Amino acid sequence: MLGLRAGTGIPIVGFTIALVMFITLSPGASRVYASSVFGALRAPGEPALIAGHRGDRANAPENTLPALQSALDSSMEFVETDVQLTADGVPVLIHDTTLDRTTNGSGPVDAITLKKLRKLDAGGWYAKRFAGTRVPTLEEFFVIFAPSGKKVLLELKGFWEKEEVALVAELARQYNVQDRVTLASFDFTTLMNAESMAPSFPRVIIRRMLPADPVGLANHYGAIAILTHPSSLEADPGAVEAMHEAGLGVLLYTLNSKERWSEALALGVDGIITDKPSTLDKWLAATAPGT
């Protein structure tokens, strides 16, 4: 895919070739462990980390700078967001593969240039006061993320080529946030490309349902954790213990009720992705032992 380096007018062709050579020839990074990203793996009943799903979408339109800033301004350690590429190869933050639901545009995200994308309204659908809010670039997010001290789970939507993953890694290094970025994907080839091009970045596998051997799957792809749906653990309640024994983490999405939060904590999961991060944060504080 040809285009411009995010935030610049520089063609990415030569930049990408040089970046690929640099990363490929760099010494292999030491393995990243789940505990180094999530802290100590949780025992049943212990509070899990909270990640705002697409920012704090309870207070602002998802994956926009207002939603992300709201999450960063909270006491939460993590935020989660989605990354896709425009037609000219710029990483932008949007969940759906099409523009229709969260902007006043239509059609595939990867068929529109950044210049045209910037003209779309990504906030008016949510509330009048957000009219005129734009789809942000990954670089714009890193500008507000860098001083926050928080961590981010970046979901690479769909399939990413090696050089495309390298662009994300280079942007993170440019803003000196590489130690606070975890890459996640449903796509196994994308995860392998991330391991090849950004070996020092932790990786998380996303699965709607866990396989019979989640530990084997995570180890095969060098992932530190699996992000899955609660129904997976209902079918295999021993999966969390097995993952923890292997030093691997378990995260759940997208939990938005006290009942679901209680069930997750009882299983000892390490993280909860939620659309109501502020509410969950207050609930955890109110229900902590000794309060």
C-alpha atoms as a PDB file:
ATOM      1  CA  MET A   1       0.000   0.000   0.000  1.00  0.00           C
ATOM      2  CA  LEU A   2       1.420   3.352  -0.998  1.00  0.00           C
ATOM      3  CA  GLY A   3       0.805   6.641   0.725  1.00  0.00           C
ATOM      4  CA  LEU A   4       2.187   9.282   3.030  1.00  0.00           C
ATOM      5  CA  ARG A   5       3.803   8.802   6.377  1.00  0.00           C
ATOM      6  CA  ALA A   6       1.259   9.738   9.058  1.00  0.00           C
ATOM      7  CA  GLY A   7       1.297  13.402   9.950  1.00  0.00           C
ATOM      8  CA  THR A   8       3.780  14.311   7.234  1.00  0.00           C
ATOM      9  CA  GLY A   9       3.896  14.847   3.514  1.00  0.00           C
ATOM     10  CA  ILE A  10       6.675  12.296   3.100  1.00  0.00           C
ATOM     11  CA  PRO A  11       6.027   9.287   0.837  1.00  0.00           C
ATOM     12  CA  ILE A  12       6.189   6.124   2.930  1.00  0.00           C
ATOM     13  CA  VAL A  13       7.822   3.924   0.275  1.00  0.00           C
ATOM     14  CA  GLY A  14      11.467   4.692   1.027  1.00  0.00           C
ATOM     15  CA  PHE A  15      10.693   5.220   4.694  1.00  0.00           C
ATOM     16  CA  THR A  16       9.068   1.791   4.929  1.00  0.00           C
ATOM     17  CA  ILE A  17      11.952   0.002   3.204  1.00  0.00           C
ATOM     18  CA  ALA A  18      14.466   1.585   5.562  1.00  0.00           C
ATOM     19  CA  LEU A  19      12.298   0.822   8.575  1.00  0.00           C
ATOM     20  CA  VAL A  20      11.819  -2.814   7.571  1.00  0.00           C
ATOM     21  CA  MET A  21      15.580  -3.243   7.183  1.00  0.00           C
ATOM     22  CA  PHE A  22      16.243  -1.593  10.547  1.00  0.00           C
ATOM     23  CA  ILE A  23      13.780  -3.726  12.476  1.00  0.00           C
ATOM     24  CA  THR A  24      14.692  -6.949  10.687  1.00  0.00           C
ATOM     25  CA  LEU A  25      18.390  -6.479  11.365  1.00  0.00           C
ATOM     26  CA  SER A  26      17.951  -5.356  14.971  1.00  0.00           C
ATOM     27  CA  PRO A  27      18.831  -7.878  17.690  1.00  0.00           C
ATOM     28  CA  GLY A  28      15.862  -9.919  18.908  1.00  0.00           C
ATOM     29  CA  ALA A  29      14.131  -8.417  21.897  1.00  0.00           C
ATOM     30  CA  SER A  30      13.760 -10.402  25.097  1.00  0.00           C
ATOM     31  CA  ARG A  31      10.369 -11.960  25.676  1.00  0.00           C
ATOM     32  CA  VAL A  32       7.683  -9.773  27.220  1.00  0.00           C
ATOM     33  CA  TYR A  33       5.695 -11.410  30.014  1.00  0.00           C
ATOM     34  CA  ALA A  34       2.072 -10.802  30.972  1.00  0.00           C
ATOM     35  CA  SER A  35       3.005  -9.651  34.472  1.00  0.00           C
ATOM     36  CA  SER A  36       5.250  -6.915  33.078  1.00  0.00           C
ATOM     37  CA  VAL A  37       2.244  -5.410  31.267  1.00  0.00           C
ATOM     38  CA  PHE A  38      -0.686  -6.209  33.550  1.00  0.00           C
ATOM     39  CA  GLY A  39       1.054  -6.470  36.906  1.00  0.00           C
ATOM     40  CA  ALA A  40       0.737  -9.620  39.002  1.00  0.00           C
ATOM     41  CA  LEU A  41      -1.757 -12.052  37.486  1.00  0.00           C
ATOM     42  CA  ARG A  42      -4.994 -11.971  39.444  1.00  0.00           C
ATOM     43  CA  ALA A  43      -6.343 -14.488  41.894  1.00  0.00           C
ATOM     44  CA  PRO A  44     -10.119 -15.045  42.032  1.00  0.00           C
ATOM     45  CA  GLY A  45     -11.781 -12.038  43.643  1.00  0.00           C
ATOM     46  CA  GLU A  46      -8.926  -9.608  43.050  1.00  0.00           C
ATOM     47  CA  PRO A  47      -9.666  -6.407  41.104  1.00  0.00           C
ATOM     48  CA  ALA A  48      -8.868  -6.600  37.401  1.00  0.00           C
ATOM     49  CA  LEU A  49      -7.406  -3.804  35.340  1.00  0.00           C
ATOM     50  CA  ILE A  50      -9.909  -1.696  33.429  1.00  0.00           C
ATOM     51  CA  ALA A  51      -9.589  -0.666  29.792  1.00  0.00           C
ATOM     52  CA  GLY A  52     -11.965   1.867  28.302  1.00  0.00           C
ATOM     53  CA  HIS A  53     -13.460   0.268  25.173  1.00  0.00           C
ATOM     54  CA  ARG A  54     -12.715   2.656  22.266  1.00  0.00           C
ATOM     55  CA  GLY A  55     -11.953   5.276  24.900  1.00  0.00           C
ATOM     56  CA  ASP A  56     -14.657   6.349  27.322  1.00  0.00           C
ATOM     57  CA  ARG A  57     -17.602   5.976  24.968  1.00  0.00           C
ATOM     58  CA  ALA A  58     -20.058   6.521  27.790  1.00  0.00           C
ATOM     59  CA  ASN A  59     -19.081  10.198  27.719  1.00  0.00           C
ATOM     60  CA  ALA A  60     -18.000  10.882  24.120  1.00  0.00           C
ATOM     61  CA  PRO A  61     -18.187   9.318  20.638  1.00  0.00           C
ATOM     62  CA  GLU A  62     -16.087   6.172  20.400  1.00  0.00           C
ATOM     63  CA  ASN A  63     -12.486   6.281  19.194  1.00  0.00           C
ATOM     64  CA  THR A  64     -12.458  10.085  19.028  1.00  0.00           C
ATOM     65  CA  LEU A  65      -9.988  12.276  20.868  1.00  0.00           C
ATOM     66  CA  PRO A  66     -12.635  13.430  23.401  1.00  0.00           C
ATOM     67  CA  ALA A  67     -13.452   9.803  24.313  1.00  0.00           C
ATOM     68  CA  LEU A  68      -9.794   8.841  24.494  1.00  0.00           C
ATOM     69  CA  GLN A  69      -8.864  11.930  26.513  1.00  0.00           C
ATOM     70  CA  SER A  70     -11.675  11.183  28.957  1.00  0.00           C
ATOM     71  CA  ALA A  71     -10.249   7.702  29.520  1.00  0.00           C
ATOM     72  CA  LEU A  72      -6.711   9.038  29.860  1.00  0.00           C
ATOM     73  CA  ASP A  73      -7.854  11.627  32.402  1.00  0.00           C
ATOM     74  CA  SER A  74      -9.399   8.928  34.610  1.00  0.00           C
ATOM     75  CA  SER A  75      -7.665   6.745  37.186  1.00  0.00           C
ATOM     76  CA  MET A  76      -7.664   3.803  34.778  1.00  0.00           C
ATOM     77  CA  GLU A  77      -4.317   2.404  33.695  1.00  0.00           C
ATOM     78  CA  PHE A  78      -5.406   1.224  30.232  1.00  0.00           C
ATOM     79  CA  VAL A  79      -7.341   2.444  27.221  1.00  0.00           C
ATOM     80  CA  GLU A  80      -8.342   0.361  24.195  1.00  0.00           C
ATOM     81  CA  THR A  81      -8.749   1.605  20.636  1.00  0.00           C
ATOM     82  CA  ASP A  82      -8.906   0.336  17.049  1.00  0.00           C
ATOM     83  CA  VAL A  83      -6.520   1.095  14.201  1.00  0.00           C
ATOM     84  CA  GLN A  84      -7.115   0.874  10.448  1.00  0.00           C
ATOM     85  CA  LEU A  85      -5.370   2.297   7.393  1.00  0.00           C
ATOM     86  CA  THR A  86      -6.757   4.859   4.975  1.00  0.00           C
ATOM     87  CA  ALA A  87      -6.390   4.451   1.218  1.00  0.00           C
ATOM     88  CA  ASP A  88      -3.131   6.413   1.396  1.00  0.00           C
ATOM     89  CA  GLY A  89      -1.704   4.310   4.212  1.00  0.00           C
ATOM     90  CA  VAL A  90      -2.290   6.498   7.278  1.00  0.00           C
ATOM     91  CA  PRO A  91      -3.214   4.732  10.553  1.00  0.00           C
ATOM     92  CA  VAL A  92      -6.506   6.121  11.897  1.00  0.00           C
ATOM     93  CA  LEU A  93      -8.722   5.217  14.834  1.00  0.00           C
ATOM     94  CA  ILE A  94     -12.070   3.722  13.835  1.00  0.00           C
ATOM     95  CA  HIS A  95     -13.722   0.410  14.651  1.00  0.00           C
ATOM     96  CA  ASP A  96     -15.964  -0.507  11.730  1.00  0.00           C
ATOM     97  CA  THR A  97     -14.556  -1.391   8.328  1.00  0.00           C
ATOM     98  CA  THR A  98     -17.028   1.114   6.880  1.00  0.00           C
ATOM     99  CA  LEU A  99     -17.663   4.766   7.683  1.00  0.00           C
ATOM    100  CA  ASP A 100     -21.444   4.556   7.828  1.00  0.00           C
ATOM    101  CA  ARG A 101     -22.180   4.004  11.537  1.00  0.00           C
ATOM    102  CA  THR A 102     -19.847   6.502  13.210  1.00  0.00           C
ATOM    103  CA  THR A 103     -19.455   9.254  10.591  1.00  0.00           C
ATOM    104  CA  ASN A 104     -21.607  11.093   8.067  1.00  0.00           C
ATOM    105  CA  GLY A 105     -19.679   9.335   5.301  1.00  0.00           C
ATOM    106  CA  SER A 106     -20.149   5.949   3.699  1.00  0.00           C
ATOM    107  CA  GLY A 107     -18.101   3.166   2.191  1.00  0.00           C
ATOM    108  CA  PRO A 108     -14.956   1.304   3.304  1.00  0.00           C
ATOM    109  CA  VAL A 109     -12.380   3.021   5.486  1.00  0.00           C
ATOM    110  CA  ASP A 110      -9.537   1.721   3.328  1.00  0.00           C
ATOM    111  CA  ALA A 111     -11.075   3.288   0.213  1.00  0.00           C
ATOM    112  CA  ILE A 112     -10.903   6.898   1.450  1.00  0.00           C
ATOM    113  CA  THR A 113      -7.846   9.153   1.691  1.00  0.00           C
ATOM    114  CA  LEU A 114      -6.952  10.932   4.886  1.00  0.00           C
ATOM    115  CA  LYS A 115      -7.736  14.301   3.298  1.00  0.00           C
ATOM    116  CA  LYS A 116     -11.285  13.222   2.521  1.00  0.00           C
ATOM    117  CA  LEU A 117     -11.695  11.432   5.837  1.00  0.00           C
ATOM    118  CA  ARG A 118     -10.813  14.630   7.691  1.00  0.00           C
ATOM    119  CA  LYS A 119     -13.853  16.326   6.206  1.00  0.00           C
ATOM    120  CA  LEU A 120     -16.268  13.861   7.792  1.00  0.00           C
ATOM    121  CA  ASP A 121     -18.149  14.409  11.033  1.00  0.00           C
ATOM    122  CA  ALA A 122     -17.458  11.598  13.524  1.00  0.00           C
ATOM    123  CA  GLY A 123     -19.320  13.079  16.484  1.00  0.00           C
ATOM    124  CA  GLY A 124     -22.678  14.487  15.415  1.00  0.00           C
ATOM    125  CA  TRP A 125     -24.308  11.039  15.487  1.00  0.00           C
ATOM    126  CA  TYR A 126     -23.505  10.791  19.216  1.00  0.00           C
ATOM    127  CA  ALA A 127     -24.605  14.240  20.408  1.00  0.00           C
ATOM    128  CA  LYS A 128     -24.952  17.728  18.966  1.00  0.00           C
ATOM    129  CA  ARG A 129     -22.143  19.087  21.120  1.00  0.00           C
ATOM    130  CA  PHE A 130     -19.705  16.708  19.406  1.00  0.00           C
ATOM    131  CA  ALA A 131     -20.649  17.768  15.869  1.00  0.00           C
ATOM    132  CA  GLY A 132     -17.532  18.404  13.846  1.00  0.00           C
ATOM    133  CA  THR A 133     -15.381  15.924  15.766  1.00  0.00           C
ATOM    134  CA  ARG A 134     -13.022  14.154  13.367  1.00  0.00           C
ATOM    135  CA  VAL A 135     -11.712  10.629  13.012  1.00  0.00           C
ATOM    136  CA  PRO A 136      -8.275  10.946  14.631  1.00  0.00           C
ATOM    137  CA  THR A 137      -5.010   9.628  13.290  1.00  0.00           C
ATOM    138  CA  LEU A 138      -2.937   7.288  15.445  1.00  0.00           C
ATOM    139  CA  GLU A 139      -0.325  10.013  15.597  1.00  0.00           C
ATOM    140  CA  GLU A 140      -2.836  12.485  17.040  1.00  0.00           C
ATOM    141  CA  PHE A 141      -3.715   9.929  19.695  1.00  0.00           C
ATOM    142  CA  PHE A 142      -0.044   9.442  20.572  1.00  0.00           C
ATOM    143  CA  VAL A 143       0.266  13.217  21.065  1.00  0.00           C
ATOM    144  CA  ILE A 144      -2.235  13.100  23.958  1.00  0.00           C
ATOM    145  CA  PHE A 145      -1.232   9.596  25.067  1.00  0.00           C
ATOM    146  CA  ALA A 146       2.498  10.287  25.474  1.00  0.00           C
ATOM    147  CA  PRO A 147       2.243  12.567  28.544  1.00  0.00           C
ATOM    148  CA  SER A 148      -0.484  10.492  30.206  1.00  0.00           C
ATOM    149  CA  GLY A 149       1.697   7.701  31.562  1.00  0.00           C
ATOM    150  CA  LYS A 150      -1.123   5.263  30.736  1.00  0.00           C
ATOM    151  CA  LYS A 151      -1.021   2.077  28.631  1.00  0.00           C
ATOM    152  CA  VAL A 152      -2.927   1.304  25.443  1.00  0.00           C
ATOM    153  CA  LEU A 153      -4.239  -1.847  23.816  1.00  0.00           C
ATOM    154  CA  LEU A 154      -4.172  -1.175  20.072  1.00  0.00           C
ATOM    155  CA  GLU A 155      -6.353  -3.525  18.076  1.00  0.00           C
ATOM    156  CA  LEU A 156      -5.074  -3.843  14.521  1.00  0.00           C
ATOM    157  CA  LYS A 157      -8.312  -4.377  12.613  1.00  0.00           C
ATOM    158  CA  GLY A 158      -8.260  -6.936   9.806  1.00  0.00           C
ATOM    159  CA  PHE A 159      -5.048  -8.034   8.095  1.00  0.00           C
ATOM    160  CA  TRP A 160      -1.836  -6.004   8.325  1.00  0.00           C
ATOM    161  CA  GLU A 161       1.236  -6.456   6.134  1.00  0.00           C
ATOM    162  CA  LYS A 162       4.670  -6.408   7.787  1.00  0.00           C
ATOM    163  CA  GLU A 163       5.502  -2.901   6.620  1.00  0.00           C
ATOM    164  CA  GLU A 164       2.119  -1.650   7.852  1.00  0.00           C
ATOM    165  CA  VAL A 165       2.770  -3.016  11.350  1.00  0.00           C
ATOM    166  CA  ALA A 166       6.199  -1.411  11.160  1.00  0.00           C
ATOM    167  CA  LEU A 167       4.594   1.994  10.599  1.00  0.00           C
ATOM    168  CA  VAL A 168       2.663   1.667  13.860  1.00  0.00           C
ATOM    169  CA  ALA A 169       5.785   0.564  15.725  1.00  0.00           C
ATOM    170  CA  GLU A 170       7.812   3.461  14.347  1.00  0.00           C
ATOM    171  CA  LEU A 171       5.133   5.996  15.328  1.00  0.00           C
ATOM    172  CA  ALA A 172       5.165   4.584  18.873  1.00  0.00           C
ATOM    173  CA  ARG A 173       8.939   4.930  19.014  1.00  0.00           C
ATOM    174  CA  GLN A 174       8.758   8.450  17.589  1.00  0.00           C
ATOM    175  CA  TYR A 175       6.585   9.480  20.550  1.00  0.00           C
ATOM    176  CA  ASN A 176       8.576   7.329  23.000  1.00  0.00           C
ATOM    177  CA  VAL A 177       5.533   5.272  24.028  1.00  0.00           C
ATOM    178  CA  GLN A 178       6.757   1.893  22.764  1.00  0.00           C
ATOM    179  CA  ASP A 179       6.933   0.530  26.318  1.00  0.00           C
ATOM    180  CA  ARG A 180       3.246   1.316  26.889  1.00  0.00           C
ATOM    181  CA  VAL A 181       1.741  -0.090  23.680  1.00  0.00           C
ATOM    182  CA  THR A 182       0.321  -3.610  23.385  1.00  0.00           C
ATOM    183  CA  LEU A 183      -0.778  -4.844  19.971  1.00  0.00           C
ATOM    184  CA  ALA A 184      -3.887  -7.027  19.617  1.00  0.00           C
ATOM    185  CA  SER A 185      -5.552  -8.759  16.681  1.00  0.00           C
ATOM    186  CA  PHE A 186      -7.987 -11.462  15.631  1.00  0.00           C
ATOM    187  CA  ASP A 187      -5.777 -12.175  12.620  1.00  0.00           C
ATOM    188  CA  PHE A 188      -3.001 -14.716  13.171  1.00  0.00           C
ATOM    189  CA  THR A 189      -0.878 -13.576  10.230  1.00  0.00           C
ATOM    190  CA  THR A 190      -1.012 -10.014  11.526  1.00  0.00           C
ATOM    191  CA  LEU A 191       0.228 -11.266  14.902  1.00  0.00           C
ATOM    192  CA  MET A 192       3.102 -13.086  13.201  1.00  0.00           C
ATOM    193  CA  ASN A 193       3.943  -9.945  11.263  1.00  0.00           C
ATOM    194  CA  ALA A 194       3.917  -8.004  14.521  1.00  0.00           C
ATOM    195  CA  GLU A 195       6.286 -10.512  16.081  1.00  0.00           C
ATOM    196  CA  SER A 196       8.602 -10.140  13.092  1.00  0.00           C
ATOM    197  CA  MET A 197       8.520  -6.351  12.756  1.00  0.00           C
ATOM    198  CA  ALA A 198       7.880  -5.236  16.340  1.00  0.00           C
ATOM    199  CA  PRO A 199       9.208  -8.058  18.531  1.00  0.00           C
ATOM    200  CA  SER A 200       9.506  -5.925  21.674  1.00  0.00           C
ATOM    201  CA  PHE A 201       5.814  -4.976  21.579  1.00  0.00           C
ATOM    202  CA  PRO A 202       3.592  -7.293  23.655  1.00  0.00           C
ATOM    203  CA  ARG A 203       0.897  -9.077  21.657  1.00  0.00           C
ATOM    204  CA  VAL A 204      -2.609 -10.200  22.606  1.00  0.00           C
ATOM    205  CA  ILE A 205      -4.715 -12.690  20.658  1.00  0.00           C
ATOM    206  CA  ILE A 206      -8.415 -11.887  20.361  1.00  0.00           C
ATOM    207  CA  ARG A 207     -10.774 -14.859  20.116  1.00  0.00           C
ATOM    208  CA  ARG A 208     -14.550 -14.861  20.462  1.00  0.00           C
ATOM    209  CA  MET A 209     -14.289 -18.423  21.752  1.00  0.00           C
ATOM    210  CA  LEU A 210     -11.221 -20.027  23.295  1.00  0.00           C
ATOM    211  CA  PRO A 211      -9.672 -23.038  21.550  1.00  0.00           C
ATOM    212  CA  ALA A 212      -9.274 -26.360  23.331  1.00  0.00           C
ATOM    213  CA  ASP A 213      -5.682 -25.420  24.217  1.00  0.00           C
ATOM    214  CA  PRO A 214      -5.505 -21.658  24.871  1.00  0.00           C
ATOM    215  CA  VAL A 215      -2.042 -21.950  26.411  1.00  0.00           C
ATOM    216  CA  GLY A 216      -0.716 -23.665  23.310  1.00  0.00           C
ATOM    217  CA  LEU A 217      -2.293 -21.027  21.078  1.00  0.00           C
ATOM    218  CA  ALA A 218      -0.800 -18.120  23.040  1.00  0.00           C
ATOM    219  CA  ASN A 219       2.636 -19.713  23.164  1.00  0.00           C
ATOM    220  CA  HIS A 220       2.581 -20.560  19.456  1.00  0.00           C
ATOM    221  CA  TYR A 221       2.095 -16.902  18.545  1.00  0.00           C
ATOM    222  CA  GLY A 222       4.238 -15.481  21.328  1.00  0.00           C
ATOM    223  CA  ALA A 223       1.265 -13.696  22.898  1.00  0.00           C
ATOM    224  CA  ILE A 224       1.165 -12.600  26.531  1.00  0.00           C
ATOM    225  CA  ALA A 225      -2.601 -12.987  26.848  1.00  0.00           C
ATOM    226  CA  ILE A 226      -5.856 -13.884  25.147  1.00  0.00           C
ATOM    227  CA  LEU A 227      -8.744 -11.414  24.996  1.00  0.00           C
ATOM    228  CA  THR A 228     -11.997 -13.320  24.793  1.00  0.00           C
ATOM    229  CA  HIS A 229     -15.735 -13.248  25.437  1.00  0.00           C
ATOM    230  CA  PRO A 230     -17.164 -14.304  28.831  1.00  0.00           C
ATOM    231  CA  SER A 231     -19.003 -17.197  27.189  1.00  0.00           C
ATOM    232  CA  SER A 232     -15.614 -18.822  26.575  1.00  0.00           C
ATOM    233  CA  LEU A 233     -14.982 -19.108  30.287  1.00  0.00           C
ATOM    234  CA  GLU A 234     -18.491 -20.364  30.908  1.00  0.00           C
ATOM    235  CA  ALA A 235     -17.636 -23.236  28.588  1.00  0.00           C
ATOM    236  CA  ASP A 236     -14.132 -23.722  30.053  1.00  0.00           C
ATOM    237  CA  PRO A 237     -13.932 -22.298  33.606  1.00  0.00           C
ATOM    238  CA  GLY A 238     -10.503 -23.864  34.124  1.00  0.00           C
ATOM    239  CA  ALA A 239      -8.933 -21.851  31.308  1.00  0.00           C
ATOM    240  CA  VAL A 240      -7.947 -18.910  33.528  1.00  0.00           C
ATOM    241  CA  GLU A 241      -6.061 -21.120  35.962  1.00  0.00           C
ATOM    242  CA  ALA A 242      -4.314 -22.942  33.113  1.00  0.00           C
ATOM    243  CA  MET A 243      -3.272 -19.658  31.498  1.00  0.00           C
ATOM    244  CA  HIS A 244      -2.014 -18.256  34.798  1.00  0.00           C
ATOM    245  CA  GLU A 245       0.015 -21.369  35.519  1.00  0.00           C
ATOM    246  CA  ALA A 246       1.742 -20.743  32.181  1.00  0.00           C
ATOM    247  CA  GLY A 247       2.356 -17.072  33.064  1.00  0.00           C
ATOM    248  CA  LEU A 248      -0.257 -15.855  30.584  1.00  0.00           C
ATOM    249  CA  GLY A 249      -3.067 -13.365  31.049  1.00  0.00           C
ATOM    250  CA  VAL A 250      -6.799 -13.496  30.337  1.00  0.00           C
ATOM    251  CA  LEU A 251      -8.807 -10.402  29.377  1.00  0.00           C
ATOM    252  CA  LEU A 252     -12.566 -10.212  28.732  1.00  0.00           C
ATOM    253  CA  TYR A 253     -14.655  -7.989  26.442  1.00  0.00           C
ATOM    254  CA  THR A 254     -17.087  -6.175  26.516  1.00  0.00           C
ATOM    255  CA  LEU A 255     -18.527  -6.271  30.063  1.00  0.00           C
ATOM    256  CA  ASN A 256     -20.974  -3.519  30.995  1.00  0.00           C
ATOM    257  CA  SER A 257     -22.973  -4.739  33.994  1.00  0.00           C
ATOM    258  CA  LYS A 258     -22.241  -5.308  37.679  1.00  0.00           C
ATOM    259  CA  GLU A 259     -23.334  -8.921  37.282  1.00  0.00           C
ATOM    260  CA  ARG A 260     -20.782  -9.508  34.510  1.00  0.00           C
ATOM    261  CA  TRP A 261     -18.065  -7.689  36.439  1.00  0.00           C
ATOM    262  CA  SER A 262     -18.706  -9.840  39.531  1.00  0.00           C
ATOM    263  CA  GLU A 263     -18.543 -13.035  37.465  1.00  0.00           C
ATOM    264  CA  ALA A 264     -15.285 -11.944  35.844  1.00  0.00           C
ATOM    265  CA  LEU A 265     -13.601 -11.093  39.138  1.00  0.00           C
ATOM    266  CA  ALA A 266     -14.701 -14.410  40.641  1.00  0.00           C
ATOM    267  CA  LEU A 267     -12.814 -16.183  37.832  1.00  0.00           C
ATOM    268  CA  GLY A 268      -9.646 -14.169  38.439  1.00  0.00           C
ATOM    269  CA  VAL A 269      -9.394 -12.544  35.014  1.00  0.00           C
ATOM    270  CA  ASP A 270      -6.664  -9.952  34.633  1.00  0.00           C
ATOM    271  CA  GLY A 271      -8.498  -7.294  32.664  1.00  0.00           C
ATOM    272  CA  ILE A 272     -11.965  -6.118  31.693  1.00  0.00           C
ATOM    273  CA  ILE A 273     -12.748  -4.151  28.545  1.00  0.00           C
ATOM    274  CA  THR A 274     -15.847  -2.037  29.156  1.00  0.00           C
ATOM    275  CA  ASP A 275     -17.941   0.722  27.620  1.00  0.00           C
ATOM    276  CA  LYS A 276     -18.442   2.108  31.139  1.00  0.00           C
ATOM    277  CA  PRO A 277     -14.902   2.461  32.473  1.00  0.00           C
ATOM    278  CA  SER A 278     -15.668   5.228  34.970  1.00  0.00           C
ATOM    279  CA  THR A 279     -18.643   3.316  36.390  1.00  0.00           C
ATOM    280  CA  LEU A 280     -16.610   0.102  36.683  1.00  0.00           C
ATOM    281  CA  ASP A 281     -13.758   1.984  38.341  1.00  0.00           C
ATOM    282  CA  LYS A 282     -16.131   3.373  40.993  1.00  0.00           C
ATOM    283  CA  TRP A 283     -17.759  -0.046  41.442  1.00  0.00           C
ATOM    284  CA  LEU A 284     -14.386  -1.714  42.025  1.00  0.00           C
ATOM    285  CA  ALA A 285     -13.460   0.917  44.580  1.00  0.00           C
ATOM    286  CA  ALA A 286     -16.796   0.527  46.382  1.00  0.00           C
ATOM    287  CA  THR A 287     -16.648  -3.281  46.474  1.00  0.00           C
ATOM    288  CA  ALA A 288     -12.949  -3.681  47.327  1.00  0.00           C
ATOM    289  CA  PRO A 289     -12.240  -5.753  50.455  1.00  0.00           C
ATOM    290  CA  GLY A 290     -12.238  -3.599  53.569  1.00  0.00           C
ATOM    291  CA  THR A 291     -14.430  -0.829  52.139  1.00  0.00           C
END
